[in-house]
């Protein structure tokens, strides 16, 4: 009986740990961390921070999701020495919750009246309902998923005032 109880407790601990893994890897850059795309120091942009963790545990910080996507789509250009490393985790800052969300599962609102550190930005949310609410409140044009963000979409975001 005690063994079953201990197994149940272990199962619950492991389950909760895996659910909150993205939250455990907070987006906390140092004052020296720079965005590999634009070169900006990122620590002062906590509302828009994004983080990529590579398979060798290298952490890369970005001043916003737009630059994070640019990096993902052209790693050879921005960081040739790490271009062959697999991406282990992508974290973005949920705009309403102000905490880390899984970047590959997030919803991104484009075309809103909210600007990021580099101008027009993809505004991330961990929950679709939050993205839809934000769209209504901030004139968002549409919500997209990670796989829908293409180089053409990034150019569109930057070119539309």
Foldseek 3Di string as FASTA:
>chain_A
DVVVVVVVVVVVVVVVCVVCVQQVPWQADDQPAAALQPRHRQRVLLLAKKWWQWPVRDIHIDNHVLSVLVCVVCVCVRPVVCVPTHTPFIWTQQNVVSTTAGQQQWKWFFDFPDATPVGGHTHTHNDPVVNVVCCVVTVTDDIDGPVPDDPVNSVVRVPDD
